[in-house]
């Protein structure tokens, strides 16, 4: 009987001292947990934006190769990219048009290649100096090419 009372007396003060330890651990672990959540959400967003930019540059390259108009090319490419990608702070588009030599296996006299490269700037959703996160402004880049064979027929 004395042992039971002795254990009860010892265990009661220890329980009183340990009541707030769960709150302290939660506070200490909250910063890294929030950091991982923020990096996961923001990282997924930027992966999605990169995929959208690559889709947009591919569609722009296809449209440019069909139109093949050097003067309207920059405006057309920007319109495609702005239609596909949202929340763009800054957009830089580089368009290259190359005339390639004819492929001996094809009956085409030449080939035209358009390369569309886009770089966008996005505002971070969860930028913080305390919690690990992405920078305040994040750059995402994508590129695509399209090639068209041009056959020139001689008129008699």
N, C-alpha and C. Protein backbone atom coordinates (compact mmCIF):
# COMPACT_ATOMS: atom_id res chain seq x y z
N UNK A 1 0.80 -1.20 0.00
CA UNK A 1 0.00 0.00 0.00
C UNK A 1 0.85 1.26 0.00
N UNK A 2 1.94 1.24 0.71
CA UNK A 2 2.82 2.40 0.75
C UNK A 2 3.48 2.63 -0.61
N UNK A 3 3.76 1.57 -1.33
CA UNK A 3 4.38 1.70 -2.63
C UNK A 3 3.42 2.41 -3.60
N UNK A 4 2.16 2.05 -3.57
CA UNK A 4 1.16 2.68 -4.43
C UNK A 4 1.04 4.18 -4.14
N UNK A 5 1.01 4.55 -2.91
CA UNK A 5 0.92 5.96 -2.55
C UNK A 5 2.21 6.67 -2.96
N UNK A 6 3.31 6.01 -2.77
CA UNK A 6 4.59 6.60 -3.15
C UNK A 6 4.65 6.85 -4.66
N UNK A 7 4.21 5.88 -5.46
CA UNK A 7 4.19 6.07 -6.93
C UNK A 7 3.23 7.19 -7.32
N UNK A 8 2.10 7.27 -6.62
CA UNK A 8 1.14 8.31 -6.94
C UNK A 8 1.71 9.69 -6.64
N UNK A 9 2.42 9.80 -5.56
CA UNK A 9 3.01 11.08 -5.20
C UNK A 9 4.10 11.49 -6.19
N UNK A 10 4.87 10.54 -6.66
CA UNK A 10 5.94 10.85 -7.59
C UNK A 10 5.37 11.18 -8.98
N UNK A 11 4.39 10.43 -9.43
CA UNK A 11 3.88 10.62 -10.78
C UNK A 11 3.07 11.90 -10.93
N UNK A 12 2.44 12.35 -9.91
CA UNK A 12 1.62 13.54 -10.02
C UNK A 12 2.45 14.79 -10.34
N UNK A 13 3.53 15.08 -9.66
CA UNK A 13 4.30 16.27 -10.00
C UNK A 13 4.92 16.19 -11.41
N UNK A 14 5.35 15.00 -11.83
CA UNK A 14 5.92 14.87 -13.18
C UNK A 14 4.88 15.16 -14.25
N UNK A 15 3.66 14.70 -14.04
CA UNK A 15 2.60 14.98 -14.99
C UNK A 15 2.31 16.49 -15.06
N UNK A 16 2.37 17.17 -13.97
CA UNK A 16 2.13 18.61 -13.96
C UNK A 16 3.20 19.35 -14.75
N UNK A 17 4.46 18.89 -14.70
CA UNK A 17 5.53 19.55 -15.42
C UNK A 17 5.50 19.26 -16.92
N UNK A 18 4.89 18.18 -17.33
CA UNK A 18 4.91 17.77 -18.73
C UNK A 18 3.66 18.16 -19.50
N UNK A 19 2.79 18.91 -18.96
CA UNK A 19 1.53 19.21 -19.65
C UNK A 19 1.73 20.06 -20.90
N UNK A 20 2.65 20.99 -20.95
CA UNK A 20 2.81 21.90 -22.09
C UNK A 20 3.81 21.44 -23.13
N UNK A 21 4.39 20.27 -22.94
CA UNK A 21 5.44 19.81 -23.86
C UNK A 21 4.88 19.55 -25.27
N UNK A 22 3.66 19.08 -25.38
CA UNK A 22 3.07 18.83 -26.70
C UNK A 22 2.89 20.14 -27.48
N UNK A 23 2.51 21.19 -26.79
CA UNK A 23 2.34 22.50 -27.43
C UNK A 23 3.70 23.03 -27.89
N UNK A 24 4.71 22.86 -27.07
CA UNK A 24 6.05 23.33 -27.44
C UNK A 24 6.56 22.57 -28.66
N UNK A 25 6.39 21.25 -28.69
CA UNK A 25 6.80 20.45 -29.86
C UNK A 25 6.02 20.86 -31.10
N UNK A 26 4.74 21.11 -30.95
CA UNK A 26 3.92 21.53 -32.09
C UNK A 26 4.42 22.87 -32.65
N UNK A 27 4.73 23.80 -31.77
CA UNK A 27 5.22 25.10 -32.22
C UNK A 27 6.57 24.96 -32.91
N UNK A 28 7.44 24.14 -32.35
CA UNK A 28 8.76 23.94 -32.95
C UNK A 28 8.69 23.24 -34.31
N UNK A 29 7.76 22.32 -34.47
CA UNK A 29 7.64 21.58 -35.72
C UNK A 29 6.75 22.26 -36.75
N UNK A 30 6.03 23.28 -36.34
CA UNK A 30 5.11 23.95 -37.26
C UNK A 30 5.85 24.66 -38.39
N UNK A 31 6.98 25.29 -38.11
CA UNK A 31 7.73 26.01 -39.14
C UNK A 31 8.23 25.06 -40.23
N UNK A 32 8.91 23.94 -39.91
CA UNK A 32 9.33 23.04 -40.99
C UNK A 32 8.16 22.39 -41.73
N UNK A 33 7.11 22.06 -41.01
CA UNK A 33 5.94 21.44 -41.67
C UNK A 33 5.32 22.43 -42.65
N UNK A 34 5.15 23.68 -42.24
CA UNK A 34 4.60 24.70 -43.14
C UNK A 34 5.53 24.94 -44.32
N UNK A 35 6.84 24.89 -44.07
CA UNK A 35 7.80 25.05 -45.16
C UNK A 35 7.65 23.97 -46.21
N UNK A 36 7.50 22.72 -45.78
CA UNK A 36 7.30 21.62 -46.73
C UNK A 36 5.99 21.77 -47.49
N UNK A 37 4.95 22.17 -46.82
CA UNK A 37 3.65 22.35 -47.49
C UNK A 37 3.75 23.47 -48.52
N UNK A 38 4.37 24.58 -48.14
CA UNK A 38 4.50 25.72 -49.06
C UNK A 38 5.35 25.34 -50.26
N UNK A 39 6.48 24.66 -50.03
CA UNK A 39 7.32 24.24 -51.15
C UNK A 39 6.59 23.26 -52.07
N UNK A 40 5.79 22.38 -51.49
CA UNK A 40 5.04 21.41 -52.32
C UNK A 40 3.99 22.12 -53.18
N UNK A 41 3.23 23.02 -52.57
CA UNK A 41 2.17 23.72 -53.32
C UNK A 41 2.77 24.62 -54.39
N UNK A 42 3.76 25.42 -54.01
CA UNK A 42 4.37 26.35 -54.95
C UNK A 42 5.16 25.61 -56.03
N UNK A 43 5.86 24.56 -55.65
CA UNK A 43 6.61 23.78 -56.64
C UNK A 43 5.69 23.14 -57.66
N UNK A 44 4.56 22.62 -57.21
CA UNK A 44 3.58 22.05 -58.13
C UNK A 44 3.03 23.11 -59.06
N UNK A 45 2.83 24.30 -58.54
CA UNK A 45 2.34 25.41 -59.38
C UNK A 45 3.35 25.71 -60.49
N UNK A 46 4.63 25.80 -60.16
CA UNK A 46 5.63 26.15 -61.17
C UNK A 46 5.85 25.02 -62.18
N UNK A 47 5.71 23.78 -61.75
CA UNK A 47 5.77 22.66 -62.70
C UNK A 47 4.60 22.75 -63.68
N UNK A 48 3.43 23.08 -63.16
CA UNK A 48 2.25 23.24 -64.01
C UNK A 48 2.42 24.42 -64.97
N UNK A 49 2.96 25.53 -64.49
CA UNK A 49 3.19 26.69 -65.34
C UNK A 49 4.20 26.36 -66.45
N UNK A 50 5.24 25.60 -66.13
CA UNK A 50 6.22 25.21 -67.15
C UNK A 50 5.55 24.34 -68.22
N UNK A 51 4.71 23.44 -67.80
CA UNK A 51 3.98 22.60 -68.76
C UNK A 51 3.07 23.45 -69.65
N UNK A 52 2.40 24.42 -69.07
CA UNK A 52 1.52 25.30 -69.85
C UNK A 52 2.33 26.16 -70.82
N UNK A 53 3.49 26.65 -70.40
CA UNK A 53 4.34 27.46 -71.28
C UNK A 53 4.83 26.62 -72.45
N UNK A 54 5.23 25.38 -72.18
CA UNK A 54 5.69 24.52 -73.27
C UNK A 54 4.56 24.19 -74.24
N UNK A 55 3.34 23.98 -73.72
CA UNK A 55 2.19 23.78 -74.61
C UNK A 55 1.92 25.03 -75.45
N UNK A 56 2.01 26.19 -74.81
CA UNK A 56 1.75 27.45 -75.52
C UNK A 56 2.80 27.71 -76.60
N UNK A 57 4.07 27.46 -76.29
CA UNK A 57 5.11 27.67 -77.31
C UNK A 57 4.97 26.67 -78.45
N UNK A 58 4.51 25.47 -78.14
CA UNK A 58 4.30 24.49 -79.21
C UNK A 58 3.17 24.92 -80.13
N UNK A 59 2.06 25.38 -79.56
CA UNK A 59 0.94 25.85 -80.38
C UNK A 59 1.33 27.10 -81.16
N UNK A 60 2.11 27.98 -80.54
CA UNK A 60 2.57 29.19 -81.23
C UNK A 60 3.50 28.81 -82.39
N UNK A 61 4.38 27.85 -82.18
CA UNK A 61 5.29 27.42 -83.25
C UNK A 61 4.50 26.82 -84.42
N UNK A 62 3.47 26.03 -84.11
CA UNK A 62 2.63 25.46 -85.18
C UNK A 62 1.91 26.57 -85.95
N UNK A 63 1.36 27.55 -85.22
CA UNK A 63 0.66 28.65 -85.89
C UNK A 63 1.61 29.48 -86.73
N UNK A 64 2.81 29.72 -86.23
CA UNK A 64 3.78 30.51 -86.99
C UNK A 64 4.25 29.79 -88.24
N UNK A 65 4.41 28.49 -88.14
CA UNK A 65 4.89 27.72 -89.31
C UNK A 65 3.80 27.69 -90.38
N UNK A 66 2.54 27.68 -89.97
CA UNK A 66 1.46 27.69 -90.96
C UNK A 66 1.30 29.06 -91.60
N UNK A 67 1.42 30.10 -90.80
CA UNK A 67 1.26 31.46 -91.32
C UNK A 67 2.53 31.90 -92.06
N UNK A 68 3.68 31.65 -91.49
CA UNK A 68 4.99 32.00 -92.05
C UNK A 68 5.08 33.47 -92.42
N UNK A 69 4.69 34.32 -91.46
CA UNK A 69 4.74 35.76 -91.64
C UNK A 69 5.63 36.33 -90.54
N UNK A 70 6.81 36.80 -90.90
CA UNK A 70 7.80 37.24 -89.92
C UNK A 70 7.33 38.50 -89.18
N UNK A 71 6.59 39.38 -89.83
CA UNK A 71 6.15 40.63 -89.20
C UNK A 71 5.14 40.39 -88.07
N UNK A 72 4.21 39.49 -88.28
CA UNK A 72 3.17 39.25 -87.26
C UNK A 72 3.55 38.16 -86.26
N UNK A 73 4.71 37.56 -86.42
CA UNK A 73 5.10 36.44 -85.57
C UNK A 73 5.21 36.78 -84.08
N UNK A 74 5.89 37.87 -83.67
CA UNK A 74 6.00 38.14 -82.23
C UNK A 74 4.65 38.37 -81.54
N UNK A 75 3.78 39.14 -82.20
CA UNK A 75 2.47 39.41 -81.60
C UNK A 75 1.64 38.13 -81.50
N UNK A 76 1.68 37.30 -82.54
CA UNK A 76 0.92 36.06 -82.53
C UNK A 76 1.42 35.12 -81.43
N UNK A 77 2.73 35.00 -81.28
CA UNK A 77 3.29 34.12 -80.25
C UNK A 77 2.91 34.62 -78.85
N UNK A 78 2.96 35.92 -78.63
CA UNK A 78 2.59 36.46 -77.32
C UNK A 78 1.12 36.22 -77.01
N UNK A 79 0.27 36.34 -78.01
CA UNK A 79 -1.16 36.08 -77.80
C UNK A 79 -1.41 34.63 -77.41
N UNK A 80 -0.73 33.70 -78.08
CA UNK A 80 -0.88 32.29 -77.72
C UNK A 80 -0.42 32.03 -76.29
N UNK A 81 0.72 32.59 -75.92
CA UNK A 81 1.26 32.34 -74.59
C UNK A 81 0.38 32.97 -73.51
N UNK A 82 -0.10 34.18 -73.75
CA UNK A 82 -0.98 34.81 -72.76
C UNK A 82 -2.32 34.09 -72.65
N UNK A 83 -2.77 33.45 -73.73
CA UNK A 83 -4.02 32.69 -73.67
C UNK A 83 -3.85 31.40 -72.86
N UNK A 84 -2.67 30.80 -72.90
CA UNK A 84 -2.43 29.54 -72.21
C UNK A 84 -2.01 29.72 -70.75
N UNK A 85 -1.21 30.73 -70.46
CA UNK A 85 -0.61 30.89 -69.14
C UNK A 85 -1.23 32.08 -68.43
N UNK A 86 -1.61 31.89 -67.17
CA UNK A 86 -2.24 32.95 -66.39
C UNK A 86 -1.26 33.58 -65.41
N UNK A 87 -1.63 34.71 -64.87
CA UNK A 87 -0.87 35.41 -63.82
C UNK A 87 0.58 35.69 -64.22
N UNK A 88 0.77 36.24 -65.41
CA UNK A 88 2.11 36.58 -65.88
C UNK A 88 2.42 38.02 -65.51
N UNK A 89 3.53 38.22 -64.81
CA UNK A 89 3.98 39.59 -64.51
C UNK A 89 4.81 40.16 -65.65
N UNK A 90 5.64 39.32 -66.26
CA UNK A 90 6.51 39.77 -67.35
C UNK A 90 6.65 38.63 -68.35
N UNK A 91 6.65 38.95 -69.63
CA UNK A 91 6.76 37.95 -70.69
C UNK A 91 7.81 38.37 -71.70
N UNK A 92 8.74 37.46 -71.97
CA UNK A 92 9.75 37.69 -73.00
C UNK A 92 9.66 36.53 -73.99
N UNK A 93 9.50 36.87 -75.26
CA UNK A 93 9.38 35.85 -76.30
C UNK A 93 10.48 36.07 -77.33
N UNK A 94 11.18 34.99 -77.66
CA UNK A 94 12.21 35.03 -78.70
C UNK A 94 11.78 34.06 -79.79
N UNK A 95 11.75 34.57 -81.03
CA UNK A 95 11.34 33.75 -82.17
C UNK A 95 12.48 33.70 -83.16
N UNK A 96 12.83 32.50 -83.56
CA UNK A 96 13.88 32.32 -84.56
C UNK A 96 13.29 31.60 -85.76
N UNK A 97 13.56 32.13 -86.94
CA UNK A 97 13.12 31.49 -88.19
C UNK A 97 14.36 31.11 -88.97
N UNK A 98 14.47 29.83 -89.28
CA UNK A 98 15.62 29.31 -90.02
C UNK A 98 15.13 28.61 -91.28
N UNK A 99 15.87 28.80 -92.37
CA UNK A 99 15.62 28.04 -93.60
C UNK A 99 16.69 26.96 -93.66
N UNK A 100 16.23 25.74 -93.61
CA UNK A 100 17.13 24.59 -93.59
C UNK A 100 17.30 24.03 -94.99
N UNK A 101 18.41 23.36 -95.25
CA UNK A 101 18.57 22.74 -96.57
C UNK A 101 17.58 21.60 -96.76
N UNK A 102 17.36 21.27 -98.00
CA UNK A 102 16.39 20.22 -98.33
C UNK A 102 16.88 18.87 -97.84
N UNK A 103 15.93 18.07 -97.42
CA UNK A 103 16.22 16.71 -97.00
C UNK A 103 16.25 15.83 -98.24
N UNK A 104 17.32 15.10 -98.48
CA UNK A 104 17.41 14.31 -99.72
C UNK A 104 16.31 13.25 -99.84
N UNK A 105 15.80 12.78 -98.72
CA UNK A 105 14.75 11.76 -98.76
C UNK A 105 13.39 12.30 -99.13
N UNK A 106 13.19 13.59 -99.00
CA UNK A 106 11.90 14.20 -99.31
C UNK A 106 11.97 14.91 -100.66
N UNK A 107 10.82 15.13 -101.25
CA UNK A 107 10.78 15.85 -102.51
C UNK A 107 10.48 17.33 -102.25
N UNK A 108 11.10 17.88 -101.26
CA UNK A 108 10.90 19.29 -100.94
C UNK A 108 12.18 20.04 -101.24
N UNK A 109 12.02 21.28 -101.64
CA UNK A 109 13.20 22.06 -101.99
C UNK A 109 13.87 22.68 -100.76
N UNK A 110 13.10 22.97 -99.72
CA UNK A 110 13.69 23.51 -98.50
C UNK A 110 12.75 23.25 -97.32
N UNK A 111 13.26 23.52 -96.13
CA UNK A 111 12.46 23.38 -94.92
C UNK A 111 12.59 24.67 -94.11
N UNK A 112 11.49 25.05 -93.47
CA UNK A 112 11.46 26.23 -92.63
C UNK A 112 11.24 25.77 -91.20
N UNK A 113 12.07 26.32 -90.28
CA UNK A 113 11.94 25.95 -88.87
C UNK A 113 11.70 27.21 -88.05
N UNK A 114 10.68 27.15 -87.20
CA UNK A 114 10.42 28.21 -86.23
C UNK A 114 10.72 27.66 -84.84
N UNK A 115 11.49 28.42 -84.06
CA UNK A 115 11.77 28.09 -82.67
C UNK A 115 11.20 29.21 -81.82
N UNK A 116 10.31 28.87 -80.92
CA UNK A 116 9.68 29.84 -80.03
C UNK A 116 10.15 29.54 -78.61
N UNK A 117 10.75 30.56 -77.97
CA UNK A 117 11.21 30.44 -76.59
C UNK A 117 10.52 31.53 -75.78
N UNK A 118 9.89 31.13 -74.69
CA UNK A 118 9.17 32.08 -73.83
C UNK A 118 9.70 32.00 -72.41
N UNK A 119 9.83 33.16 -71.80
CA UNK A 119 10.24 33.25 -70.40
C UNK A 119 9.24 34.14 -69.68
N UNK A 120 8.63 33.62 -68.63
CA UNK A 120 7.63 34.36 -67.89
C UNK A 120 8.10 34.58 -66.46
N UNK A 121 7.61 35.66 -65.87
CA UNK A 121 7.92 35.97 -64.48
C UNK A 121 6.61 35.89 -63.70
N UNK A 122 6.64 35.17 -62.58
CA UNK A 122 5.44 34.99 -61.76
C UNK A 122 5.70 35.45 -60.34
N UNK A 123 4.67 36.00 -59.72
CA UNK A 123 4.73 36.41 -58.32
C UNK A 123 4.51 35.19 -57.44
N UNK A 124 5.34 35.01 -56.43
CA UNK A 124 5.21 33.88 -55.53
C UNK A 124 3.97 34.04 -54.66
N UNK A 125 3.27 32.95 -54.42
CA UNK A 125 2.08 32.99 -53.57
C UNK A 125 2.44 33.05 -52.09
N UNK A 126 3.49 32.33 -51.70
CA UNK A 126 3.81 32.18 -50.28
C UNK A 126 5.24 32.61 -49.95
N UNK A 127 5.68 33.73 -50.45
CA UNK A 127 7.04 34.16 -50.16
C UNK A 127 7.16 34.55 -48.69
N UNK A 128 8.21 34.03 -48.04
CA UNK A 128 8.43 34.34 -46.63
C UNK A 128 9.92 34.32 -46.34
N UNK A 129 10.34 35.16 -45.40
CA UNK A 129 11.74 35.15 -44.97
C UNK A 129 11.94 34.20 -43.80
N UNK A 130 10.89 33.82 -43.12
CA UNK A 130 10.98 32.94 -41.95
C UNK A 130 10.85 31.47 -42.36
N UNK A 131 9.83 31.18 -43.15
CA UNK A 131 9.56 29.81 -43.57
C UNK A 131 10.25 29.56 -44.90
N UNK A 132 10.87 28.39 -45.11
CA UNK A 132 11.51 28.10 -46.40
C UNK A 132 10.49 28.19 -47.53
N UNK A 133 10.83 28.98 -48.56
CA UNK A 133 9.90 29.18 -49.68
C UNK A 133 10.68 29.60 -50.91
N UNK A 134 9.96 29.76 -52.03
CA UNK A 134 10.55 30.23 -53.27
C UNK A 134 10.79 31.74 -53.18
N UNK A 135 11.64 32.28 -54.09
CA UNK A 135 11.85 33.74 -54.10
C UNK A 135 10.55 34.48 -54.42
N UNK A 136 10.56 35.79 -54.18
CA UNK A 136 9.36 36.59 -54.40
C UNK A 136 8.92 36.58 -55.86
N UNK A 137 9.86 36.59 -56.78
CA UNK A 137 9.58 36.49 -58.23
C UNK A 137 10.26 35.24 -58.75
N UNK A 138 9.52 34.45 -59.51
CA UNK A 138 10.04 33.20 -60.05
C UNK A 138 9.97 33.23 -61.57
N UNK A 139 11.05 32.82 -62.23
CA UNK A 139 11.10 32.77 -63.69
C UNK A 139 10.85 31.35 -64.16
N UNK A 140 9.98 31.22 -65.16
CA UNK A 140 9.68 29.92 -65.76
C UNK A 140 9.91 30.05 -67.26
N UNK A 141 10.57 29.05 -67.85
CA UNK A 141 10.96 29.14 -69.26
C UNK A 141 10.54 27.87 -70.00
N UNK A 142 10.15 28.05 -71.26
CA UNK A 142 9.79 26.92 -72.11
C UNK A 142 10.13 27.21 -73.55
N UNK A 143 10.31 26.16 -74.34
CA UNK A 143 10.71 26.32 -75.73
C UNK A 143 10.12 25.20 -76.57
N UNK A 144 9.92 25.50 -77.87
CA UNK A 144 9.40 24.49 -78.79
C UNK A 144 9.80 24.84 -80.22
N UNK A 145 9.80 23.82 -81.09
CA UNK A 145 10.16 23.99 -82.50
C UNK A 145 9.11 23.35 -83.39
N UNK A 146 8.99 23.91 -84.57
CA UNK A 146 8.14 23.32 -85.61
C UNK A 146 8.86 23.48 -86.95
N UNK A 147 8.83 22.43 -87.74
CA UNK A 147 9.50 22.44 -89.05
C UNK A 147 8.47 22.11 -90.13
N UNK A 148 8.55 22.88 -91.23
CA UNK A 148 7.66 22.64 -92.36
C UNK A 148 8.51 22.48 -93.62
N UNK A 149 8.18 21.46 -94.40
CA UNK A 149 8.85 21.28 -95.68
C UNK A 149 8.12 22.09 -96.74
N UNK A 150 8.89 22.84 -97.51
CA UNK A 150 8.32 23.70 -98.55
C UNK A 150 8.76 23.15 -99.89
N UNK A 151 7.79 22.84 -100.70
CA UNK A 151 8.13 22.36 -102.04
C UNK A 151 7.77 23.45 -103.04
N UNK A 152 8.70 23.71 -103.88
CA UNK A 152 8.50 24.73 -104.92
C UNK A 152 8.33 23.98 -106.24
N UNK A 153 7.20 24.12 -106.83
CA UNK A 153 6.96 23.48 -108.13
C UNK A 153 7.18 24.49 -109.24
N UNK A 154 7.75 24.03 -110.28
CA UNK A 154 8.01 24.91 -111.43
C UNK A 154 6.76 24.97 -112.30
N UNK A 155 6.37 26.17 -112.63
CA UNK A 155 5.23 26.34 -113.50
C UNK A 155 5.71 26.47 -114.94
N UNK A 156 5.04 25.80 -115.83
CA UNK A 156 5.46 25.83 -117.25
C UNK A 156 4.59 26.75 -118.04
